[in-house]
PDB file of N, CA and C in Angstrom:
ATOM      1  N   MET A   1     238.853 221.804 160.900  1.00  0.00           N
ATOM      2  CA  MET A   1     239.291 220.619 160.224  1.00  0.00           C
ATOM      3  C   MET A   1     239.537 220.967 158.768  1.00  0.00           C
ATOM      4  N   THR A   2     240.609 220.468 158.233  1.00  0.00           N
ATOM      5  CA  THR A   2     240.930 220.647 156.824  1.00  0.00           C
ATOM      6  C   THR A   2     240.682 219.338 156.110  1.00  0.00           C
ATOM      7  N   ILE A   3     239.939 219.408 155.041  1.00  0.00           N
ATOM      8  CA  ILE A   3     239.680 218.224 154.239  1.00  0.00           C
ATOM      9  C   ILE A   3     240.560 218.338 153.006  1.00  0.00           C
ATOM     10  N   SER A   4     241.375 217.339 152.782  1.00  0.00           N
ATOM     11  CA  SER A   4     242.297 217.370 151.655  1.00  0.00           C
ATOM     12  C   SER A   4     242.004 216.240 150.697  1.00  0.00           C
ATOM     13  N   LYS A   5     242.408 216.453 149.473  1.00  0.00           N
ATOM     14  CA  LYS A   5     242.248 215.438 148.449  1.00  0.00           C
ATOM     15  C   LYS A   5     243.643 215.073 147.975  1.00  0.00           C
ATOM     16  N   LEU A   6     243.947 213.796 147.993  1.00  0.00           N
ATOM     17  CA  LEU A   6     245.254 213.309 147.567  1.00  0.00           C
ATOM     18  C   LEU A   6     245.202 213.044 146.071  1.00  0.00           C
ATOM     19  N   GLU A   7     246.139 213.633 145.342  1.00  0.00           N
ATOM     20  CA  GLU A   7     246.193 213.442 143.906  1.00  0.00           C
ATOM     21  C   GLU A   7     247.599 213.016 143.512  1.00  0.00           C
ATOM     22  N   PHE A   8     247.690 212.355 142.402  1.00  0.00           N
ATOM     23  CA  PHE A   8     248.987 212.002 141.845  1.00  0.00           C
ATOM     24  C   PHE A   8     249.120 212.727 140.520  1.00  0.00           C
ATOM     25  N   VAL A   9     250.246 213.387 140.342  1.00  0.00           N
ATOM     26  CA  VAL A   9     250.497 214.105 139.103  1.00  0.00           C
ATOM     27  C   VAL A   9     251.805 213.604 138.511  1.00  0.00           C
ATOM     28  N   THR A  10     251.891 213.692 137.210  1.00  0.00           N
ATOM     29  CA  THR A  10     253.110 213.265 136.524  1.00  0.00           C
ATOM     30  C   THR A  10     253.870 214.504 136.080  1.00  0.00           C
ATOM     31  N   ARG A  11     255.110 214.591 136.495  1.00  0.00           N
ATOM     32  CA  ARG A  11     255.962 215.698 136.071  1.00  0.00           C
ATOM     33  C   ARG A  11     256.359 215.487 134.617  1.00  0.00           C
ATOM     34  N   SER A  12     256.885 216.546 133.995  1.00  0.00           N
ATOM     35  CA  SER A  12     257.304 216.456 132.596  1.00  0.00           C
ATOM     36  C   SER A  12     258.422 215.421 132.403  1.00  0.00           C
ATOM     37  N   SER A  13     259.156 215.132 133.493  1.00  0.00           N
ATOM     38  CA  SER A  13     260.223 214.131 133.419  1.00  0.00           C
ATOM     39  C   SER A  13     259.684 212.708 133.458  1.00  0.00           C
ATOM     40  N   GLY A  14     258.375 212.561 133.652  1.00  0.00           N
ATOM     41  CA  GLY A  14     257.776 211.241 133.738  1.00  0.00           C
ATOM     42  C   GLY A  14     257.676 210.729 135.160  1.00  0.00           C
ATOM     43  N   GLU A  15     258.248 211.455 136.108  1.00  0.00           N
ATOM     44  CA  GLU A  15     258.219 211.058 137.527  1.00  0.00           C
ATOM     45  C   GLU A  15     256.813 211.260 138.089  1.00  0.00           C
ATOM     46  N   LEU A  16     256.319 210.255 138.787  1.00  0.00           N
ATOM     47  CA  LEU A  16     255.016 210.336 139.440  1.00  0.00           C
ATOM     48  C   LEU A  16     255.203 211.005 140.792  1.00  0.00           C
ATOM     49  N   MET A  17     254.412 212.044 141.057  1.00  0.00           N
ATOM     50  CA  MET A  17     254.567 212.804 142.287  1.00  0.00           C
ATOM     51  C   MET A  17     253.225 212.878 142.998  1.00  0.00           C
ATOM     52  N   GLN A  18     253.263 212.741 144.313  1.00  0.00           N
ATOM     53  CA  GLN A  18     252.058 212.826 145.130  1.00  0.00           C
ATOM     54  C   GLN A  18     251.838 214.289 145.500  1.00  0.00           C
ATOM     55  N   GLU A  19     250.599 214.755 145.378  1.00  0.00           N
ATOM     56  CA  GLU A  19     250.273 216.129 145.695  1.00  0.00           C
ATOM     57  C   GLU A  19     248.971 216.160 146.481  1.00  0.00           C
ATOM     58  N   THR A  20     248.928 216.964 147.526  1.00  0.00           N
ATOM     59  CA  THR A  20     247.716 217.102 148.316  1.00  0.00           C
ATOM     60  C   THR A  20     247.127 218.475 148.058  1.00  0.00           C
ATOM     61  N   LYS A  21     245.862 218.513 147.702  1.00  0.00           N
ATOM     62  CA  LYS A  21     245.188 219.781 147.474  1.00  0.00           C
ATOM     63  C   LYS A  21     244.104 219.960 148.523  1.00  0.00           C
ATOM     64  N   VAL A  22     244.048 221.159 149.089  1.00  0.00           N
ATOM     65  CA  VAL A  22     243.012 221.462 150.069  1.00  0.00           C
ATOM     66  C   VAL A  22     241.718 221.722 149.325  1.00  0.00           C
ATOM     67  N   THR A  23     240.665 221.017 149.716  1.00  0.00           N
ATOM     68  CA  THR A  23     239.382 221.205 149.056  1.00  0.00           C
ATOM     69  C   THR A  23     238.368 221.905 149.951  1.00  0.00           C
ATOM     70  N   ALA A  24     238.492 221.799 151.260  1.00  0.00           N
ATOM     71  CA  ALA A  24     237.577 222.478 152.167  1.00  0.00           C
ATOM     72  C   ALA A  24     238.249 222.622 153.523  1.00  0.00           C
ATOM     73  N   ARG A  25     237.960 223.738 154.181  1.00  0.00           N
ATOM     74  CA  ARG A  25     238.525 223.975 155.508  1.00  0.00           C
ATOM     75  C   ARG A  25     237.410 224.432 156.431  1.00  0.00           C
ATOM     76  N   GLU A  26     237.250 223.745 157.526  1.00  0.00           N
ATOM     77  CA  GLU A  26     236.258 224.139 158.518  1.00  0.00           C
ATOM     78  C   GLU A  26     236.963 224.949 159.596  1.00  0.00           C
ATOM     79  N   VAL A  27     236.429 226.140 159.882  1.00  0.00           N
ATOM     80  CA  VAL A  27     237.037 227.028 160.860  1.00  0.00           C
ATOM     81  C   VAL A  27     235.958 227.607 161.766  1.00  0.00           C
ATOM     82  N   THR A  28     236.397 228.117 162.910  1.00  0.00           N
ATOM     83  CA  THR A  28     235.514 228.868 163.788  1.00  0.00           C
ATOM     84  C   THR A  28     235.733 230.346 163.506  1.00  0.00           C
ATOM     85  N   LEU A  29     234.655 231.059 163.231  1.00  0.00           N
ATOM     86  CA  LEU A  29     234.717 232.502 163.039  1.00  0.00           C
ATOM     87  C   LEU A  29     234.168 233.159 164.293  1.00  0.00           C
ATOM     88  N   ARG A  30     234.887 234.157 164.816  1.00  0.00           N
ATOM     89  CA  ARG A  30     234.445 234.905 165.996  1.00  0.00           C
ATOM     90  C   ARG A  30     234.317 236.372 165.615  1.00  0.00           C
ATOM     91  N   TYR A  31     233.238 236.984 166.097  1.00  0.00           N
ATOM     92  CA  TYR A  31     232.945 238.381 165.778  1.00  0.00           C
ATOM     93  C   TYR A  31     232.924 239.188 167.066  1.00  0.00           C
ATOM     94  N   PHE A  32     233.538 240.385 167.038  1.00  0.00           N
ATOM     95  CA  PHE A  32     233.622 241.222 168.224  1.00  0.00           C
ATOM     96  C   PHE A  32     233.100 242.633 167.954  1.00  0.00           C
ATOM     97  N   ALA A  33     232.608 243.288 169.013  1.00  0.00           N
ATOM     98  CA  ALA A  33     232.153 244.684 169.008  1.00  0.00           C
ATOM     99  C   ALA A  33     231.085 244.902 167.928  1.00  0.00           C
ATOM    100  N   TRP A  34     231.202 245.979 167.147  1.00  0.00           N
ATOM    101  CA  TRP A  34     230.153 246.274 166.175  1.00  0.00           C
ATOM    102  C   TRP A  34     230.095 245.255 165.044  1.00  0.00           C
ATOM    103  N   VAL A  35     231.164 244.513 164.794  1.00  0.00           N
ATOM    104  CA  VAL A  35     231.110 243.442 163.788  1.00  0.00           C
ATOM    105  C   VAL A  35     230.110 242.382 164.262  1.00  0.00           C
ATOM    106  N   ARG A  36     230.163 242.041 165.553  1.00  0.00           N
ATOM    107  CA  ARG A  36     229.221 241.069 166.138  1.00  0.00           C
ATOM    108  C   ARG A  36     227.795 241.605 166.058  1.00  0.00           C
ATOM    109  N   GLU A  37     227.617 242.868 166.400  1.00  0.00           N
ATOM    110  CA  GLU A  37     226.275 243.454 166.375  1.00  0.00           C
ATOM    111  C   GLU A  37     225.666 243.408 164.975  1.00  0.00           C
ATOM    112  N   LYS A  38     226.450 243.771 163.970  1.00  0.00           N
ATOM    113  CA  LYS A  38     225.933 243.784 162.597  1.00  0.00           C
ATOM    114  C   LYS A  38     225.743 242.376 162.040  1.00  0.00           C
ATOM    115  N   ALA A  39     226.636 241.457 162.392  1.00  0.00           N
ATOM    116  CA  ALA A  39     226.530 240.076 161.903  1.00  0.00           C
ATOM    117  C   ALA A  39     225.386 239.332 162.593  1.00  0.00           C
ATOM    118  N   GLY A  40     225.055 239.775 163.804  1.00  0.00           N
ATOM    119  CA  GLY A  40     223.956 239.151 164.529  1.00  0.00           C
ATOM    120  C   GLY A  40     224.334 237.895 165.283  1.00  0.00           C
ATOM    121  N   MET A  41     225.625 237.671 165.478  1.00  0.00           N
ATOM    122  CA  MET A  41     226.078 236.494 166.231  1.00  0.00           C
ATOM    123  C   MET A  41     227.502 236.721 166.715  1.00  0.00           C
ATOM    124  N   GLY A  42     227.895 235.947 167.722  1.00  0.00           N
ATOM    125  CA  GLY A  42     229.239 236.064 168.276  1.00  0.00           C
ATOM    126  C   GLY A  42     230.246 235.120 167.652  1.00  0.00           C
ATOM    127  N   GLN A  43     229.766 233.973 167.187  1.00  0.00           N
ATOM    128  CA  GLN A  43     230.662 233.010 166.550  1.00  0.00           C
ATOM    129  C   GLN A  43     229.874 231.991 165.771  1.00  0.00           C
ATOM    130  N   GLU A  44     230.566 231.284 164.895  1.00  0.00           N
ATOM    131  CA  GLU A  44     229.962 230.211 164.104  1.00  0.00           C
ATOM    132  C   GLU A  44     231.059 229.336 163.516  1.00  0.00           C
ATOM    133  N   ARG A  45     230.693 228.128 163.112  1.00  0.00           N
ATOM    134  CA  ARG A  45     231.596 227.221 162.397  1.00  0.00           C
ATOM    135  C   ARG A  45     231.175 227.266 160.933  1.00  0.00           C
ATOM    136  N   VAL A  46     232.144 227.427 160.048  1.00  0.00           N
ATOM    137  CA  VAL A  46     231.858 227.451 158.615  1.00  0.00           C
ATOM    138  C   VAL A  46     232.898 226.632 157.866  1.00  0.00           C
ATOM    139  N   THR A  47     232.530 226.217 156.681  1.00  0.00           N
ATOM    140  CA  THR A  47     233.469 225.587 155.771  1.00  0.00           C
ATOM    141  C   THR A  47     233.823 226.634 154.727  1.00  0.00           C
ATOM    142  N   LEU A  48     235.098 226.982 154.661  1.00  0.00           N
ATOM    143  CA  LEU A  48     235.549 227.998 153.712  1.00  0.00           C
ATOM    144  C   LEU A  48     235.644 227.410 152.314  1.00  0.00           C
ATOM    145  N   PRO A  49     235.234 228.175 151.312  1.00  0.00           N
ATOM    146  CA  PRO A  49     235.404 227.697 149.940  1.00  0.00           C
ATOM    147  C   PRO A  49     236.883 227.669 149.561  1.00  0.00           C
ATOM    148  N   PRO A  50     237.266 226.826 148.626  1.00  0.00           N
ATOM    149  CA  PRO A  50     238.681 226.694 148.250  1.00  0.00           C
ATOM    150  C   PRO A  50     239.335 227.989 147.773  1.00  0.00           C
ATOM    151  N   HIS A  51     238.572 228.910 147.175  1.00  0.00           N
ATOM    152  CA  HIS A  51     239.170 230.146 146.658  1.00  0.00           C
ATOM    153  C   HIS A  51     239.535 231.152 147.751  1.00  0.00           C
ATOM    154  N   VAL A  52     239.113 230.923 148.981  1.00  0.00           N
ATOM    155  CA  VAL A  52     239.442 231.830 150.079  1.00  0.00           C
ATOM    156  C   VAL A  52     240.800 231.427 150.645  1.00  0.00           C
ATOM    157  N   GLU A  53     241.831 232.178 150.255  1.00  0.00           N
ATOM    158  CA  GLU A  53     243.192 231.837 150.649  1.00  0.00           C
ATOM    159  C   GLU A  53     243.812 232.830 151.631  1.00  0.00           C
ATOM    160  N   THR A  54     243.377 234.085 151.602  1.00  0.00           N
ATOM    161  CA  THR A  54     243.963 235.114 152.463  1.00  0.00           C
ATOM    162  C   THR A  54     242.885 235.754 153.327  1.00  0.00           C
ATOM    163  N   ALA A  55     243.321 236.552 154.299  1.00  0.00           N
ATOM    164  CA  ALA A  55     242.372 237.281 155.142  1.00  0.00           C
ATOM    165  C   ALA A  55     241.512 238.208 154.288  1.00  0.00           C
ATOM    166  N   ALA A  56     242.103 238.856 153.289  1.00  0.00           N
ATOM    167  CA  ALA A  56     241.337 239.740 152.395  1.00  0.00           C
ATOM    168  C   ALA A  56     240.304 238.950 151.596  1.00  0.00           C
ATOM    169  N   ASP A  57     240.688 237.764 151.094  1.00  0.00           N
ATOM    170  CA  ASP A  57     239.726 236.901 150.382  1.00  0.00           C
ATOM    171  C   ASP A  57     238.557 236.565 151.290  1.00  0.00           C
ATOM    172  N   LEU A  58     238.856 236.288 152.549  1.00  0.00           N
ATOM    173  CA  LEU A  58     237.805 235.914 153.499  1.00  0.00           C
ATOM    174  C   LEU A  58     236.844 237.073 153.733  1.00  0.00           C
ATOM    175  N   ILE A  59     237.370 238.262 153.916  1.00  0.00           N
ATOM    176  CA  ILE A  59     236.496 239.429 154.113  1.00  0.00           C
ATOM    177  C   ILE A  59     235.605 239.624 152.891  1.00  0.00           C
ATOM    178  N   HIS A  60     236.169 239.484 151.706  1.00  0.00           N
ATOM    179  CA  HIS A  60     235.363 239.618 150.487  1.00  0.00           C
ATOM    180  C   HIS A  60     234.261 238.551 150.450  1.00  0.00           C
ATOM    181  N   TRP A  61     234.595 237.308 150.769  1.00  0.00           N
ATOM    182  CA  TRP A  61     233.601 236.234 150.786  1.00  0.00           C
ATOM    183  C   TRP A  61     232.524 236.506 151.829  1.00  0.00           C
ATOM    184  N   MET A  62     232.922 237.033 152.987  1.00  0.00           N
ATOM    185  CA  MET A  62     231.954 237.333 154.046  1.00  0.00           C
ATOM    186  C   MET A  62     230.905 238.329 153.560  1.00  0.00           C
ATOM    187  N   GLN A  63     231.295 239.280 152.725  1.00  0.00           N
ATOM    188  CA  GLN A  63     230.356 240.272 152.196  1.00  0.00           C
ATOM    189  C   GLN A  63     229.257 239.637 151.355  1.00  0.00           C
ATOM    190  N   THR A  64     229.489 238.437 150.845  1.00  0.00           N
ATOM    191  CA  THR A  64     228.529 237.775 149.954  1.00  0.00           C
ATOM    192  C   THR A  64     227.574 236.842 150.696  1.00  0.00           C
ATOM    193  N   ARG A  65     227.694 236.745 152.010  1.00  0.00           N
ATOM    194  CA  ARG A  65     226.935 235.747 152.773  1.00  0.00           C
ATOM    195  C   ARG A  65     225.569 236.228 153.237  1.00  0.00           C
ATOM    196  N   GLY A  66     225.088 237.332 152.742  1.00  0.00           N
ATOM    197  CA  GLY A  66     223.774 237.817 153.114  1.00  0.00           C
ATOM    198  C   GLY A  66     223.827 239.256 153.604  1.00  0.00           C
ATOM    199  N   PRO A  67     222.660 239.872 153.785  1.00  0.00           N
ATOM    200  CA  PRO A  67     222.591 241.289 154.148  1.00  0.00           C
ATOM    201  C   PRO A  67     223.305 241.652 155.458  1.00  0.00           C
ATOM    202  N   ALA A  68     223.188 240.821 156.483  1.00  0.00           N
ATOM    203  CA  ALA A  68     223.827 241.137 157.771  1.00  0.00           C
ATOM    204  C   ALA A  68     225.347 241.160 157.615  1.00  0.00           C
ATOM    205  N   PHE A  69     225.887 240.185 156.897  1.00  0.00           N
ATOM    206  CA  PHE A  69     227.332 240.135 156.698  1.00  0.00           C
ATOM    207  C   PHE A  69     227.793 241.226 155.729  1.00  0.00           C
ATOM    208  N   ALA A  70     226.975 241.538 154.726  1.00  0.00           N
ATOM    209  CA  ALA A  70     227.311 242.630 153.810  1.00  0.00           C
ATOM    210  C   ALA A  70     227.461 243.934 154.583  1.00  0.00           C
ATOM    211  N   ALA A  71     226.578 244.159 155.566  1.00  0.00           N
ATOM    212  CA  ALA A  71     226.661 245.367 156.397  1.00  0.00           C
ATOM    213  C   ALA A  71     227.875 245.318 157.320  1.00  0.00           C
ATOM    214  N   ALA A  72     228.116 244.173 157.923  1.00  0.00           N
ATOM    215  CA  ALA A  72     229.227 244.042 158.873  1.00  0.00           C
ATOM    216  C   ALA A  72     230.585 244.211 158.194  1.00  0.00           C
ATOM    217  N   PHE A  73     230.696 243.780 156.939  1.00  0.00           N
ATOM    218  CA  PHE A  73     231.980 243.802 156.239  1.00  0.00           C
ATOM    219  C   PHE A  73     231.993 244.816 155.097  1.00  0.00           C
ATOM    220  N   ALA A  74     231.106 245.818 155.161  1.00  0.00           N
ATOM    221  CA  ALA A  74     230.988 246.818 154.099  1.00  0.00           C
ATOM    222  C   ALA A  74     232.253 247.653 153.923  1.00  0.00           C
ATOM    223  N   GLU A  75     233.000 247.846 154.993  1.00  0.00           N
ATOM    224  CA  GLU A  75     234.236 248.630 154.921  1.00  0.00           C
ATOM    225  C   GLU A  75     235.411 247.733 155.315  1.00  0.00           C
ATOM    226  N   PRO A  76     235.954 246.989 154.361  1.00  0.00           N
ATOM    227  CA  PRO A  76     237.029 246.036 154.675  1.00  0.00           C
ATOM    228  C   PRO A  76     238.218 246.658 155.398  1.00  0.00           C
ATOM    229  N   GLY A  77     238.534 247.895 155.094  1.00  0.00           N
ATOM    230  CA  GLY A  77     239.663 248.558 155.733  1.00  0.00           C
ATOM    231  C   GLY A  77     239.451 248.834 157.212  1.00  0.00           C
ATOM    232  N   ALA A  78     238.205 248.766 157.658  1.00  0.00           N
ATOM    233  CA  ALA A  78     237.890 249.018 159.063  1.00  0.00           C
ATOM    234  C   ALA A  78     237.816 247.732 159.882  1.00  0.00           C
ATOM    235  N   ILE A  79     238.090 246.600 159.256  1.00  0.00           N
ATOM    236  CA  ILE A  79     238.024 245.305 159.935  1.00  0.00           C
ATOM    237  C   ILE A  79     239.444 244.804 160.198  1.00  0.00           C
ATOM    238  N   ARG A  80     239.686 244.372 161.413  1.00  0.00           N
ATOM    239  CA  ARG A  80     240.961 243.740 161.752  1.00  0.00           C
ATOM    240  C   ARG A  80     240.726 242.241 161.855  1.00  0.00           C
ATOM    241  N   VAL A  81     241.757 241.468 161.529  1.00  0.00           N
ATOM    242  CA  VAL A  81     241.633 240.006 161.512  1.00  0.00           C
ATOM    243  C   VAL A  81     242.741 239.392 162.359  1.00  0.00           C
ATOM    244  N   ALA A  82     242.375 238.351 163.103  1.00  0.00           N
ATOM    245  CA  ALA A  82     243.359 237.554 163.841  1.00  0.00           C
ATOM    246  C   ALA A  82     243.177 236.098 163.418  1.00  0.00           C
ATOM    247  N   LEU A  83     244.276 235.452 163.075  1.00  0.00           N
ATOM    248  CA  LEU A  83     244.279 234.027 162.741  1.00  0.00           C
ATOM    249  C   LEU A  83     244.898 233.289 163.912  1.00  0.00           C
ATOM    250  N   ASP A  84     244.133 232.399 164.510  1.00  0.00           N
ATOM    251  CA  ASP A  84     244.588 231.668 165.699  1.00  0.00           C
ATOM    252  C   ASP A  84     245.196 232.632 166.729  1.00  0.00           C
ATOM    253  N   ARG A  85     244.485 233.728 166.961  1.00  0.00           N
ATOM    254  CA  ARG A  85     244.802 234.742 167.980  1.00  0.00           C
ATOM    255  C   ARG A  85     246.042 235.590 167.692  1.00  0.00           C
ATOM    256  N   VAL A  86     246.460 235.619 166.438  1.00  0.00           N
ATOM    257  CA  VAL A  86     247.586 236.453 166.024  1.00  0.00           C
ATOM    258  C   VAL A  86     247.069 237.462 164.998  1.00  0.00           C
ATOM    259  N   HIS A  87     247.251 238.757 165.274  1.00  0.00           N
ATOM    260  CA  HIS A  87     246.813 239.792 164.349  1.00  0.00           C
ATOM    261  C   HIS A  87     247.603 239.678 163.048  1.00  0.00           C
ATOM    262  N   VAL A  88     246.880 239.796 161.918  1.00  0.00           N
ATOM    263  CA  VAL A  88     247.527 239.624 160.626  1.00  0.00           C
ATOM    264  C   VAL A  88     247.133 240.734 159.659  1.00  0.00           C
ATOM    265  N   LYS A  89     247.896 240.845 158.593  1.00  0.00           N
ATOM    266  CA  LYS A  89     247.595 241.787 157.522  1.00  0.00           C
ATOM    267  C   LYS A  89     246.676 241.108 156.516  1.00  0.00           C
ATOM    268  N   PRO A  90     245.979 241.904 155.689  1.00  0.00           N
ATOM    269  CA  PRO A  90     245.020 241.324 154.727  1.00  0.00           C
ATOM    270  C   PRO A  90     245.600 240.295 153.772  1.00  0.00           C
ATOM    271  N   ASP A  91     246.878 240.418 153.419  1.00  0.00           N
ATOM    272  CA  ASP A  91     247.449 239.477 152.451  1.00  0.00           C
ATOM    273  C   ASP A  91     247.989 238.197 153.086  1.00  0.00           C
ATOM    274  N   THR A  92     247.773 238.027 154.385  1.00  0.00           N
ATOM    275  CA  THR A  92     248.246 236.824 155.085  1.00  0.00           C
ATOM    276  C   THR A  92     247.422 235.610 154.671  1.00  0.00           C
ATOM    277  N   LYS A  93     248.114 234.525 154.349  1.00  0.00           N
ATOM    278  CA  LYS A  93     247.447 233.267 153.975  1.00  0.00           C
ATOM    279  C   LYS A  93     246.769 232.645 155.194  1.00  0.00           C
ATOM    280  N   ILE A  94     245.581 232.099 154.992  1.00  0.00           N
ATOM    281  CA  ILE A  94     244.832 231.450 156.072  1.00  0.00           C
ATOM    282  C   ILE A  94     245.433 230.089 156.397  1.00  0.00           C
ATOM    283  N   GLY A  95     245.858 229.350 155.399  1.00  0.00           N
ATOM    284  CA  GLY A  95     246.504 228.055 155.623  1.00  0.00           C
ATOM    285  C   GLY A  95     245.670 227.111 156.472  1.00  0.00           C
ATOM    286  N   THR A  96     246.269 226.595 157.537  1.00  0.00           N
ATOM    287  CA  THR A  96     245.600 225.612 158.397  1.00  0.00           C
ATOM    288  C   THR A  96     244.991 226.250 159.654  1.00  0.00           C
ATOM    289  N   THR A  97     244.736 227.533 159.598  1.00  0.00           N
ATOM    290  CA  THR A  97     244.117 228.248 160.717  1.00  0.00           C
ATOM    291  C   THR A  97     242.841 227.550 161.168  1.00  0.00           C
ATOM    292  N   ARG A  98     242.618 227.530 162.478  1.00  0.00           N
ATOM    293  CA  ARG A  98     241.410 226.896 163.024  1.00  0.00           C
ATOM    294  C   ARG A  98     240.411 227.925 163.541  1.00  0.00           C
ATOM    295  N   GLU A  99     240.913 229.113 163.958  1.00  0.00           N
ATOM    296  CA  GLU A  99     240.036 230.148 164.501  1.00  0.00           C
ATOM    297  C   GLU A  99     240.382 231.491 163.870  1.00  0.00           C
ATOM    298  N   ILE A 100     239.351 232.190 163.407  1.00  0.00           N
ATOM    299  CA  ILE A 100     239.539 233.498 162.790  1.00  0.00           C
ATOM    300  C   ILE A 100     238.630 234.485 163.506  1.00  0.00           C
ATOM    301  N   ALA A 101     239.208 235.602 163.936  1.00  0.00           N
ATOM    302  CA  ALA A 101     238.440 236.624 164.649  1.00  0.00           C
ATOM    303  C   ALA A 101     238.416 237.908 163.838  1.00  0.00           C
ATOM    304  N   PHE A 102     237.263 238.589 163.874  1.00  0.00           N
ATOM    305  CA  PHE A 102     237.074 239.869 163.208  1.00  0.00           C
ATOM    306  C   PHE A 102     236.696 240.905 164.251  1.00  0.00           C
ATOM    307  N   PHE A 103     237.315 242.086 164.164  1.00  0.00           N
ATOM    308  CA  PHE A 103     237.023 243.135 165.141  1.00  0.00           C
ATOM    309  C   PHE A 103     237.402 244.483 164.555  1.00  0.00           C
ATOM    310  N   PRO A 104     236.842 245.558 165.105  1.00  0.00           N
ATOM    311  CA  PRO A 104     237.221 246.892 164.649  1.00  0.00           C
ATOM    312  C   PRO A 104     238.586 247.279 165.199  1.00  0.00           C
ATOM    313  N   PRO A 105     239.195 248.329 164.631  1.00  0.00           N
ATOM    314  CA  PRO A 105     240.470 248.783 165.180  1.00  0.00           C
ATOM    315  C   PRO A 105     240.314 249.158 166.652  1.00  0.00           C
ATOM    316  N   VAL A 106     241.344 248.872 167.413  1.00  0.00           N
ATOM    317  CA  VAL A 106     241.325 249.164 168.838  1.00  0.00           C
ATOM    318  C   VAL A 106     242.122 250.430 169.081  1.00  0.00           C
ATOM    319  N   THR A 107     241.547 251.350 169.823  1.00  0.00           N
ATOM    320  CA  THR A 107     242.253 252.570 170.173  1.00  0.00           C
ATOM    321  C   THR A 107     242.301 252.690 171.695  1.00  0.00           C
ATOM    322  N   GLY A 108     243.271 253.378 172.156  1.00  0.00           N
ATOM    323  CA  GLY A 108     243.409 253.558 173.596  1.00  0.00           C
ATOM    324  C   GLY A 108     243.404 255.032 173.952  1.00  0.00           C
ATOM    325  N   GLY A 109     243.350 255.280 175.205  1.00  0.00           N
ATOM    326  CA  GLY A 109     243.312 256.682 175.585  1.00  0.00           C
ATOM    327  C   GLY A 109     244.054 256.924 176.855  1.00  0.00           C
TER     328      GLY A 109
END
């Protein structure tokens, strides 16, 4: 769920304009493989802080959530992210995503 705040701003022309700002976003986080093992859980619901806008921002924020998450996200380059089941790059905006998954790189043989 995304919680938004409706604001009205006045442009320099004097025109009143309606603007919606996102203030909080509730998402489901899913953890797979060794990310799950280090985090100590398979999934959780969290409210993302407003400054978390991209997948990279989210990984950085995850590192600050306590020792288990600091260990799980210690190597950001080794974590892959999927937003609503679509693999994304670190600079991808989270936007209105409802589910975010973290997992190690997948290799085949």
